[in-house]
Amino acid sequence: MTFWLAIGVLVVGSVSASLYIKTLPGKYDALAQCLSEKGVKFYGAVWCSSCKEQKRLFGNSAELLPFVECYETDQKTMNSLCMEKKIKKHPAWDFPDGSRLTGVQLPKVLAEKAGCPMPQ
């Protein structure tokens, strides 16, 4: 009985800690907000492994990225916005000057390209 109680406490504690960590400010919050304010767009798909890697690089700040989902709910049909933008590879980063970077980008590269300060 004590064994199962200890296991239960560990599981609840682990889940609670994980949820708490996700609510902490991210290292790249200011950068993600700057990218959004500058009009940068991050086109991708929820099923895209490279997009997941891109978000992983931003850690807790990923939720603040200017992410645009390119696929309908069936996850097979590209939506009209991404078709108009001619998105062919994910992730795709579009900048207000009309330029585009594709593939996973380091936060530093995105900061320099957008003219955003890089967090210390």
Protein backbone atom coordinates (compact mmCIF):
# COMPACT_ATOMS: atom_id res chain seq x y z
CA MET A 1 0.00 0.00 0.00
CA THR A 2 2.79 2.44 0.91
CA PHE A 3 4.58 1.57 -2.34
CA TRP A 4 1.55 2.50 -4.48
CA LEU A 5 0.98 5.67 -2.48
CA ALA A 6 4.61 6.69 -3.10
CA ILE A 7 4.23 5.94 -6.83
CA GLY A 8 1.04 8.03 -6.92
CA VAL A 9 2.75 10.96 -5.22
CA LEU A 10 5.68 10.78 -7.65
CA VAL A 11 3.37 10.72 -10.68
CA VAL A 12 1.26 13.64 -9.45
CA GLY A 13 4.40 15.57 -8.52
CA SER A 14 5.99 14.98 -11.92
CA VAL A 15 2.88 16.06 -13.81
CA SER A 16 2.51 19.16 -11.61
CA ALA A 17 6.16 20.12 -12.10
CA SER A 18 5.87 19.67 -15.86
CA LEU A 19 2.78 21.88 -16.04
CA TYR A 20 4.42 24.51 -13.84
CA ILE A 21 7.57 24.63 -15.98
CA LYS A 22 5.46 25.21 -19.11
CA THR A 23 3.95 28.35 -17.50
CA LEU A 24 7.32 29.97 -16.82
CA PRO A 25 8.45 32.77 -19.13
CA GLY A 26 10.68 31.53 -21.93
CA LYS A 27 14.18 32.69 -22.73
CA TYR A 28 13.01 33.90 -26.15
CA ASP A 29 9.70 35.58 -25.20
CA ALA A 30 10.91 39.03 -26.24
CA LEU A 31 12.32 37.69 -29.52
CA ALA A 32 9.11 35.82 -30.38
CA GLN A 33 7.07 38.94 -29.63
CA CYS A 34 9.42 41.10 -31.70
CA LEU A 35 9.14 38.72 -34.67
CA SER A 36 5.37 38.97 -34.45
CA GLU A 37 5.41 42.76 -34.09
CA LYS A 38 7.70 43.08 -37.12
CA GLY A 39 5.23 41.09 -39.24
CA VAL A 40 7.31 37.93 -39.59
CA LYS A 41 5.26 34.76 -40.22
CA PHE A 42 6.21 31.16 -39.40
CA TYR A 43 4.32 28.80 -41.76
CA GLY A 44 4.15 25.14 -40.89
CA ALA A 45 2.05 22.16 -39.92
CA VAL A 46 1.31 20.49 -36.60
CA TRP A 47 2.52 17.15 -38.02
CA CYS A 48 5.81 18.59 -39.36
CA SER A 49 8.84 17.24 -37.46
CA SER A 50 11.01 20.19 -38.55
CA CYS A 51 8.35 22.61 -37.28
CA LYS A 52 8.34 20.77 -33.95
CA GLU A 53 12.13 21.11 -33.84
CA GLN A 54 11.84 24.83 -34.64
CA LYS A 55 9.40 25.27 -31.76
CA ARG A 56 11.64 23.20 -29.47
CA LEU A 57 14.48 25.68 -30.08
CA PHE A 58 12.22 28.41 -28.68
CA GLY A 59 11.22 26.34 -25.62
CA ASN A 60 8.47 27.94 -23.54
CA SER A 61 8.50 30.91 -25.93
CA ALA A 62 7.21 28.79 -28.84
CA GLU A 63 3.61 29.66 -28.03
CA LEU A 64 4.40 33.32 -28.78
CA LEU A 65 5.78 32.65 -32.26
CA PRO A 66 3.75 34.02 -35.19
CA PHE A 67 2.83 30.47 -36.31
CA VAL A 68 0.46 29.94 -39.23
CA GLU A 69 -0.98 26.43 -39.65
CA CYS A 70 -0.92 25.53 -43.35
CA TYR A 71 -3.27 22.55 -43.35
CA GLU A 72 -6.97 22.01 -42.90
CA THR A 73 -8.21 19.82 -40.08
CA ASP A 74 -7.74 16.70 -42.24
CA GLN A 75 -3.98 17.50 -42.17
CA LYS A 76 -3.74 16.60 -45.88
CA THR A 77 -5.21 19.62 -47.61
CA MET A 78 -3.15 22.82 -47.69
CA ASN A 79 -5.24 25.88 -46.88
CA SER A 80 -5.72 28.71 -49.35
CA LEU A 81 -3.46 31.17 -47.51
CA CYS A 82 -0.45 28.87 -47.68
CA MET A 83 -1.23 28.01 -51.31
CA GLU A 84 -1.33 31.75 -52.13
CA LYS A 85 1.99 32.22 -50.33
CA LYS A 86 3.42 29.26 -52.29
CA ILE A 87 4.63 27.49 -49.16
CA LYS A 88 6.43 24.37 -50.37
CA LYS A 89 8.69 23.52 -47.43
CA HIS A 90 8.17 23.68 -43.67
CA PRO A 91 9.04 25.58 -41.68
CA ALA A 92 8.91 28.67 -43.85
CA TRP A 93 9.68 32.09 -42.38
CA ASP A 94 8.35 35.07 -44.34
CA PHE A 95 9.64 38.57 -43.66
CA PRO A 96 7.99 41.91 -44.44
CA ASP A 97 10.65 42.70 -47.08
CA GLY A 98 9.31 39.75 -49.13
CA SER A 99 12.18 37.41 -48.34
CA ARG A 100 11.81 33.89 -47.04
CA LEU A 101 13.93 31.43 -45.07
CA THR A 102 13.01 27.75 -45.12
CA GLY A 103 13.98 24.96 -42.81
CA VAL A 104 14.81 25.11 -39.12
CA GLN A 105 16.43 28.44 -38.21
CA LEU A 106 18.42 29.33 -35.12
CA PRO A 107 16.82 32.08 -33.03
CA LYS A 108 19.93 34.21 -33.63
CA VAL A 109 19.45 34.02 -37.41
CA LEU A 110 15.79 35.03 -37.13
CA ALA A 111 16.66 37.89 -34.79
CA GLU A 112 19.30 39.27 -37.16
CA LYS A 113 17.07 38.90 -40.24
CA ALA A 114 14.12 40.63 -38.56
CA GLY A 115 16.18 43.30 -36.79
CA CYS A 116 15.15 42.08 -33.33
CA PRO A 117 17.44 42.12 -30.29
CA MET A 118 18.78 38.76 -29.23
CA PRO A 119 18.16 37.86 -25.58
CA GLN A 120 21.25 37.66 -23.38
